[in-house]
C-alpha cells in the first residue's frame, strides 16, 4: 500500500467513525460530517420488503435520540475497499435493546468530492 492509499483509507475511516460515534454517543450532529444530504439507506424489513429511507441527516433528531437512548450499540469497521474516488466499507454493529439483541452489517458506499469522503448510501442486514 502506497502513501496515497494509506492517506485515503485514514480519511475514509475518519468519515465512517463520525457515523459510528453519532450513533453510539448519541451525537447526531456528527451525522452531518459523515452523510450526504441526498444519501439513501436500504434494508429488508420484518415483512421481507425492501425499504428505502433518505439520508439520516434529514431524520427527526429528537425522535432518533429517544430511540438510541433505549439501545446499547457498538460498531467496528471490518473492511475497506477503495478505488479512486469510490469506496465501500463494511461495519459490524452490535445492538442491544431491552427486548432483543442482534448483530447488523452495514455496507456503506462513499464517494470523494472536493477532497472530502462522504457516505452516499447504506445497505444493511440484521441477524
N, C-alpha and C. Protein backbone atom coordinates (compact mmCIF):
# COMPACT_ATOMS: atom_id res chain seq x y z
N UNK A 1 0.86 -1.18 0.00
CA UNK A 1 0.00 0.00 0.00
C UNK A 1 0.90 1.24 0.00
N UNK A 2 0.62 2.15 -0.93
CA UNK A 2 1.44 3.36 -1.01
C UNK A 2 0.92 4.45 -0.07
N UNK A 3 1.66 5.54 0.00
CA UNK A 3 1.33 6.64 0.92
C UNK A 3 -0.04 7.23 0.61
N UNK A 4 -0.37 7.41 -0.66
CA UNK A 4 -1.67 7.97 -1.05
C UNK A 4 -2.81 7.06 -0.61
N UNK A 5 -2.68 5.75 -0.83
CA UNK A 5 -3.72 4.81 -0.41
C UNK A 5 -3.91 4.84 1.10
N UNK A 6 -2.80 4.89 1.85
CA UNK A 6 -2.88 4.96 3.32
C UNK A 6 -3.61 6.22 3.76
N UNK A 7 -3.32 7.35 3.09
CA UNK A 7 -3.99 8.61 3.44
C UNK A 7 -5.49 8.53 3.16
N UNK A 8 -5.86 7.96 2.02
CA UNK A 8 -7.28 7.84 1.66
C UNK A 8 -8.01 6.94 2.66
N UNK A 9 -7.41 5.82 3.02
CA UNK A 9 -8.05 4.91 3.98
C UNK A 9 -8.21 5.59 5.33
N UNK A 10 -7.22 6.37 5.74
CA UNK A 10 -7.32 7.11 7.00
C UNK A 10 -8.50 8.08 6.96
N UNK A 11 -8.67 8.79 5.85
CA UNK A 11 -9.78 9.74 5.71
C UNK A 11 -11.14 9.03 5.65
N UNK A 12 -11.19 7.89 4.98
CA UNK A 12 -12.43 7.11 4.92
C UNK A 12 -12.80 6.64 6.33
N UNK A 13 -11.83 6.12 7.06
CA UNK A 13 -12.08 5.67 8.45
C UNK A 13 -12.61 6.82 9.30
N UNK A 14 -12.04 8.01 9.11
CA UNK A 14 -12.48 9.18 9.89
C UNK A 14 -13.96 9.48 9.61
N UNK A 15 -14.34 9.45 8.34
CA UNK A 15 -15.74 9.72 7.97
C UNK A 15 -16.67 8.67 8.57
N UNK A 16 -16.31 7.40 8.43
CA UNK A 16 -17.16 6.32 8.95
C UNK A 16 -17.21 6.39 10.48
N UNK A 17 -16.12 6.77 11.11
CA UNK A 17 -16.11 6.88 12.57
C UNK A 17 -17.06 7.98 13.05
N UNK A 18 -17.20 9.06 12.27
CA UNK A 18 -18.20 10.08 12.62
C UNK A 18 -19.59 9.44 12.72
N UNK A 19 -19.90 8.59 11.76
CA UNK A 19 -21.20 7.91 11.75
C UNK A 19 -21.34 6.98 12.96
N UNK A 20 -20.32 6.18 13.22
CA UNK A 20 -20.34 5.27 14.37
C UNK A 20 -20.51 6.07 15.66
N UNK A 21 -19.74 7.14 15.82
CA UNK A 21 -19.83 7.96 17.03
C UNK A 21 -21.17 8.66 17.15
N UNK A 22 -21.74 9.07 16.03
CA UNK A 22 -23.06 9.71 16.06
C UNK A 22 -24.08 8.78 16.70
N UNK A 23 -24.01 7.50 16.35
CA UNK A 23 -24.97 6.52 16.86
C UNK A 23 -24.62 6.11 18.29
N UNK A 24 -23.37 5.74 18.55
CA UNK A 24 -23.00 5.18 19.86
C UNK A 24 -22.96 6.23 20.96
N UNK A 25 -22.64 7.47 20.59
CA UNK A 25 -22.56 8.54 21.59
C UNK A 25 -23.77 9.46 21.55
N UNK A 26 -24.73 9.13 20.70
CA UNK A 26 -25.95 9.92 20.50
C UNK A 26 -25.60 11.39 20.27
N UNK A 27 -24.64 11.58 19.38
CA UNK A 27 -24.22 12.93 18.98
C UNK A 27 -24.58 13.07 17.51
N UNK A 28 -25.83 13.36 17.24
CA UNK A 28 -26.33 13.33 15.88
C UNK A 28 -25.82 14.46 15.00
N UNK A 29 -25.15 15.44 15.58
CA UNK A 29 -24.51 16.47 14.76
C UNK A 29 -23.39 15.85 13.92
N UNK A 30 -22.80 14.77 14.42
CA UNK A 30 -21.74 14.10 13.67
C UNK A 30 -22.24 13.43 12.39
N UNK A 31 -23.53 13.13 12.34
CA UNK A 31 -24.09 12.53 11.13
C UNK A 31 -23.85 13.44 9.93
N UNK A 32 -23.94 14.73 10.14
CA UNK A 32 -23.75 15.70 9.06
C UNK A 32 -22.32 15.69 8.51
N UNK A 33 -21.36 15.26 9.34
CA UNK A 33 -19.99 15.16 8.87
C UNK A 33 -19.76 13.88 8.07
N UNK A 34 -20.65 12.91 8.23
CA UNK A 34 -20.46 11.60 7.59
C UNK A 34 -21.32 11.40 6.35
N UNK A 35 -22.56 11.90 6.39
CA UNK A 35 -23.56 11.57 5.35
C UNK A 35 -23.85 12.74 4.42
N UNK A 36 -24.04 12.43 3.16
CA UNK A 36 -24.52 13.40 2.18
C UNK A 36 -26.02 13.58 2.40
N UNK A 37 -26.52 14.80 2.26
CA UNK A 37 -27.96 15.07 2.47
C UNK A 37 -28.87 14.29 1.53
N UNK A 38 -28.38 13.91 0.38
CA UNK A 38 -29.19 13.16 -0.58
C UNK A 38 -28.91 11.66 -0.53
N UNK A 39 -28.17 11.22 0.50
CA UNK A 39 -27.86 9.81 0.64
C UNK A 39 -29.11 8.96 0.85
N UNK A 40 -28.94 7.64 0.77
CA UNK A 40 -30.07 6.71 0.90
C UNK A 40 -29.66 5.50 1.74
N UNK A 41 -30.63 5.00 2.52
CA UNK A 41 -30.44 3.80 3.33
C UNK A 41 -31.43 2.75 2.84
N UNK A 42 -30.96 1.52 2.68
CA UNK A 42 -31.80 0.46 2.13
C UNK A 42 -31.65 -0.79 2.99
N UNK A 43 -32.78 -1.43 3.31
CA UNK A 43 -32.74 -2.67 4.08
C UNK A 43 -34.01 -3.47 3.81
N UNK A 44 -34.02 -4.71 4.27
CA UNK A 44 -35.20 -5.56 4.16
C UNK A 44 -35.87 -5.58 5.53
N UNK A 45 -37.16 -5.25 5.59
CA UNK A 45 -37.86 -5.17 6.88
C UNK A 45 -38.36 -6.54 7.34
N UNK A 46 -39.06 -6.56 8.45
CA UNK A 46 -39.56 -7.81 9.05
C UNK A 46 -40.58 -8.53 8.18
N UNK A 47 -41.16 -7.82 7.23
CA UNK A 47 -42.14 -8.43 6.32
C UNK A 47 -41.51 -8.79 4.98
N UNK A 48 -40.18 -8.85 4.94
CA UNK A 48 -39.41 -9.23 3.76
C UNK A 48 -39.59 -8.25 2.59
N UNK A 49 -39.82 -6.99 2.91
CA UNK A 49 -39.97 -5.94 1.90
C UNK A 49 -38.72 -5.06 1.91
N UNK A 50 -38.29 -4.63 0.73
CA UNK A 50 -37.17 -3.71 0.64
C UNK A 50 -37.67 -2.30 0.97
N UNK A 51 -36.96 -1.66 1.89
CA UNK A 51 -37.34 -0.33 2.37
C UNK A 51 -36.23 0.66 1.99
N UNK A 52 -36.64 1.80 1.46
CA UNK A 52 -35.72 2.87 1.10
C UNK A 52 -36.00 4.06 2.02
N UNK A 53 -34.96 4.55 2.68
CA UNK A 53 -35.08 5.73 3.54
C UNK A 53 -34.08 6.78 3.07
N UNK A 54 -34.40 8.05 3.29
CA UNK A 54 -33.48 9.11 2.92
C UNK A 54 -32.31 9.17 3.91
N UNK A 55 -31.39 10.04 3.64
CA UNK A 55 -30.21 10.24 4.47
C UNK A 55 -30.60 10.51 5.92
N UNK A 56 -29.82 9.99 6.89
CA UNK A 56 -30.13 10.28 8.29
C UNK A 56 -29.94 11.75 8.64
N UNK A 57 -29.32 12.53 7.78
CA UNK A 57 -29.21 13.97 8.04
C UNK A 57 -30.57 14.64 8.00
N UNK A 58 -31.54 13.95 7.41
CA UNK A 58 -32.89 14.53 7.27
C UNK A 58 -33.89 13.92 8.26
N UNK A 59 -33.42 13.07 9.17
CA UNK A 59 -34.30 12.45 10.16
C UNK A 59 -34.70 13.43 11.26
N UNK A 60 -35.74 13.09 11.96
CA UNK A 60 -36.16 13.84 13.14
C UNK A 60 -35.18 13.52 14.28
N UNK A 61 -34.31 14.47 14.59
CA UNK A 61 -33.23 14.24 15.55
C UNK A 61 -33.77 13.85 16.92
N UNK A 62 -34.81 14.51 17.40
CA UNK A 62 -35.35 14.21 18.73
C UNK A 62 -35.90 12.78 18.79
N UNK A 63 -36.59 12.37 17.74
CA UNK A 63 -37.13 11.02 17.68
C UNK A 63 -36.01 9.97 17.67
N UNK A 64 -34.98 10.21 16.90
CA UNK A 64 -33.85 9.29 16.82
C UNK A 64 -33.11 9.22 18.16
N UNK A 65 -32.90 10.37 18.79
CA UNK A 65 -32.22 10.38 20.09
C UNK A 65 -32.96 9.52 21.11
N UNK A 66 -34.27 9.61 21.15
CA UNK A 66 -35.05 8.80 22.09
C UNK A 66 -34.91 7.31 21.79
N UNK A 67 -34.93 6.94 20.53
CA UNK A 67 -34.76 5.54 20.14
C UNK A 67 -33.37 5.03 20.51
N UNK A 68 -32.35 5.85 20.28
CA UNK A 68 -30.98 5.44 20.58
C UNK A 68 -30.74 5.30 22.08
N UNK A 69 -31.42 6.10 22.88
CA UNK A 69 -31.26 6.01 24.34
C UNK A 69 -31.70 4.64 24.87
N UNK A 70 -32.55 3.95 24.12
CA UNK A 70 -33.06 2.65 24.56
C UNK A 70 -32.19 1.49 24.10
N UNK A 71 -31.12 1.78 23.39
CA UNK A 71 -30.25 0.71 22.90
C UNK A 71 -28.80 0.98 23.30
N UNK A 72 -28.06 -0.10 23.39
CA UNK A 72 -26.62 -0.02 23.57
C UNK A 72 -26.02 -0.54 22.27
N UNK A 73 -25.15 0.26 21.65
CA UNK A 73 -24.60 -0.13 20.35
C UNK A 73 -23.10 0.08 20.31
N UNK A 74 -22.47 -0.73 19.49
CA UNK A 74 -21.06 -0.53 19.16
C UNK A 74 -20.88 -0.93 17.71
N UNK A 75 -19.97 -0.26 17.04
CA UNK A 75 -19.72 -0.54 15.64
C UNK A 75 -18.23 -0.65 15.38
N UNK A 76 -17.86 -1.63 14.56
CA UNK A 76 -16.46 -1.84 14.20
C UNK A 76 -16.31 -1.89 12.69
N UNK A 77 -15.34 -1.15 12.19
CA UNK A 77 -15.02 -1.20 10.76
C UNK A 77 -14.30 -2.52 10.50
N UNK A 78 -14.86 -3.34 9.62
CA UNK A 78 -14.27 -4.64 9.32
C UNK A 78 -13.47 -4.66 8.03
N UNK A 79 -13.87 -3.86 7.05
CA UNK A 79 -13.21 -3.92 5.76
C UNK A 79 -13.40 -2.60 5.02
N UNK A 80 -12.37 -2.21 4.27
CA UNK A 80 -12.45 -1.03 3.41
C UNK A 80 -11.91 -1.43 2.04
N UNK A 81 -12.71 -1.16 1.02
CA UNK A 81 -12.30 -1.39 -0.37
C UNK A 81 -12.40 -0.04 -1.07
N UNK A 82 -11.27 0.45 -1.57
CA UNK A 82 -11.25 1.78 -2.20
C UNK A 82 -10.65 1.70 -3.60
N UNK A 83 -11.24 2.45 -4.51
CA UNK A 83 -10.75 2.55 -5.89
C UNK A 83 -10.99 3.98 -6.36
N UNK A 84 -9.93 4.76 -6.42
CA UNK A 84 -10.06 6.15 -6.86
C UNK A 84 -10.96 6.95 -5.93
N UNK A 85 -12.06 7.47 -6.47
CA UNK A 85 -12.96 8.32 -5.68
C UNK A 85 -14.15 7.55 -5.12
N UNK A 86 -14.11 6.20 -5.16
CA UNK A 86 -15.20 5.37 -4.64
C UNK A 86 -14.66 4.40 -3.60
N UNK A 87 -15.48 4.14 -2.58
CA UNK A 87 -15.10 3.19 -1.53
C UNK A 87 -16.34 2.50 -0.98
N UNK A 88 -16.13 1.29 -0.49
CA UNK A 88 -17.17 0.54 0.22
C UNK A 88 -16.57 0.09 1.55
N UNK A 89 -17.32 0.32 2.63
CA UNK A 89 -16.86 -0.04 3.97
C UNK A 89 -17.89 -0.95 4.62
N UNK A 90 -17.40 -2.05 5.21
CA UNK A 90 -18.28 -2.96 5.95
C UNK A 90 -18.11 -2.65 7.43
N UNK A 91 -19.25 -2.37 8.09
CA UNK A 91 -19.27 -2.09 9.53
C UNK A 91 -20.14 -3.14 10.20
N UNK A 92 -19.59 -3.75 11.24
CA UNK A 92 -20.35 -4.73 12.04
C UNK A 92 -20.82 -4.02 13.30
N UNK A 93 -22.15 -4.04 13.50
CA UNK A 93 -22.78 -3.41 14.66
C UNK A 93 -23.28 -4.46 15.62
N UNK A 94 -23.14 -4.19 16.90
CA UNK A 94 -23.78 -4.98 17.95
C UNK A 94 -24.82 -4.09 18.60
N UNK A 95 -26.05 -4.53 18.57
CA UNK A 95 -27.16 -3.72 19.07
C UNK A 95 -27.87 -4.49 20.18
N UNK A 96 -28.01 -3.84 21.33
CA UNK A 96 -28.68 -4.46 22.46
C UNK A 96 -29.80 -3.54 22.92
N UNK A 97 -30.99 -4.08 22.94
CA UNK A 97 -32.20 -3.38 23.32
C UNK A 97 -32.80 -4.14 24.50
N UNK A 98 -33.62 -3.53 25.35
CA UNK A 98 -34.22 -4.29 26.45
C UNK A 98 -35.01 -5.52 25.97
N UNK A 99 -35.50 -5.51 24.73
CA UNK A 99 -36.34 -6.61 24.24
C UNK A 99 -35.63 -7.56 23.28
N UNK A 100 -34.45 -7.20 22.77
CA UNK A 100 -33.75 -8.06 21.81
C UNK A 100 -32.29 -7.63 21.67
N UNK A 101 -31.52 -8.55 21.12
CA UNK A 101 -30.12 -8.30 20.80
C UNK A 101 -29.87 -8.81 19.40
N UNK A 102 -29.08 -8.07 18.63
CA UNK A 102 -28.78 -8.54 17.28
C UNK A 102 -27.47 -7.96 16.77
N UNK A 103 -27.00 -8.58 15.72
CA UNK A 103 -25.83 -8.10 15.00
C UNK A 103 -26.32 -7.57 13.67
N UNK A 104 -25.77 -6.44 13.26
CA UNK A 104 -26.16 -5.85 11.99
C UNK A 104 -24.90 -5.55 11.19
N UNK A 105 -25.00 -5.75 9.89
CA UNK A 105 -23.90 -5.45 9.00
C UNK A 105 -24.33 -4.32 8.07
N UNK A 106 -23.53 -3.28 8.02
CA UNK A 106 -23.77 -2.15 7.12
C UNK A 106 -22.70 -2.15 6.04
N UNK A 107 -23.13 -1.98 4.82
CA UNK A 107 -22.22 -1.77 3.70
C UNK A 107 -22.42 -0.32 3.27
N UNK A 108 -21.43 0.49 3.58
CA UNK A 108 -21.51 1.93 3.31
C UNK A 108 -20.76 2.25 2.02
N UNK A 109 -21.42 2.97 1.13
CA UNK A 109 -20.78 3.45 -0.09
C UNK A 109 -20.39 4.90 0.13
N UNK A 110 -19.14 5.20 -0.16
CA UNK A 110 -18.64 6.56 -0.01
C UNK A 110 -18.08 7.05 -1.34
N UNK A 111 -18.17 8.35 -1.54
CA UNK A 111 -17.56 9.00 -2.69
C UNK A 111 -16.70 10.15 -2.19
N UNK A 112 -15.63 10.41 -2.92
CA UNK A 112 -14.77 11.54 -2.58
C UNK A 112 -15.06 12.67 -3.55
N UNK A 113 -15.42 13.82 -3.00
CA UNK A 113 -15.70 15.00 -3.79
C UNK A 113 -15.12 16.21 -3.06
N UNK A 114 -14.46 17.05 -3.79
CA UNK A 114 -13.87 18.26 -3.20
C UNK A 114 -12.98 17.92 -2.00
N UNK A 115 -12.16 16.87 -2.18
CA UNK A 115 -11.20 16.42 -1.16
C UNK A 115 -11.85 15.93 0.13
N UNK A 116 -13.11 15.49 0.06
CA UNK A 116 -13.80 15.01 1.26
C UNK A 116 -14.54 13.71 0.93
N UNK A 117 -14.39 12.71 1.79
CA UNK A 117 -15.13 11.46 1.68
C UNK A 117 -16.47 11.63 2.37
N UNK A 118 -17.54 11.13 1.75
CA UNK A 118 -18.89 11.26 2.32
C UNK A 118 -19.69 10.00 2.01
N UNK A 119 -20.50 9.57 2.98
CA UNK A 119 -21.35 8.40 2.78
C UNK A 119 -22.53 8.80 1.92
N UNK A 120 -22.76 8.03 0.85
CA UNK A 120 -23.89 8.33 -0.04
C UNK A 120 -24.97 7.26 0.02
N UNK A 121 -24.61 6.06 0.52
CA UNK A 121 -25.65 5.03 0.66
C UNK A 121 -25.23 3.96 1.67
N UNK A 122 -26.24 3.27 2.15
CA UNK A 122 -26.02 2.18 3.08
C UNK A 122 -27.03 1.10 2.77
N UNK A 123 -26.53 -0.15 2.66
CA UNK A 123 -27.45 -1.28 2.70
C UNK A 123 -27.13 -2.02 3.98
N UNK A 124 -28.14 -2.62 4.58
CA UNK A 124 -27.96 -3.23 5.89
C UNK A 124 -28.64 -4.58 5.97
N UNK A 125 -28.04 -5.44 6.79
CA UNK A 125 -28.60 -6.76 7.06
C UNK A 125 -28.47 -7.01 8.55
N UNK A 126 -29.55 -7.42 9.18
CA UNK A 126 -29.53 -7.74 10.61
C UNK A 126 -29.76 -9.21 10.86
N UNK A 127 -29.11 -9.73 11.88
CA UNK A 127 -29.28 -11.15 12.26
C UNK A 127 -29.76 -11.25 13.68
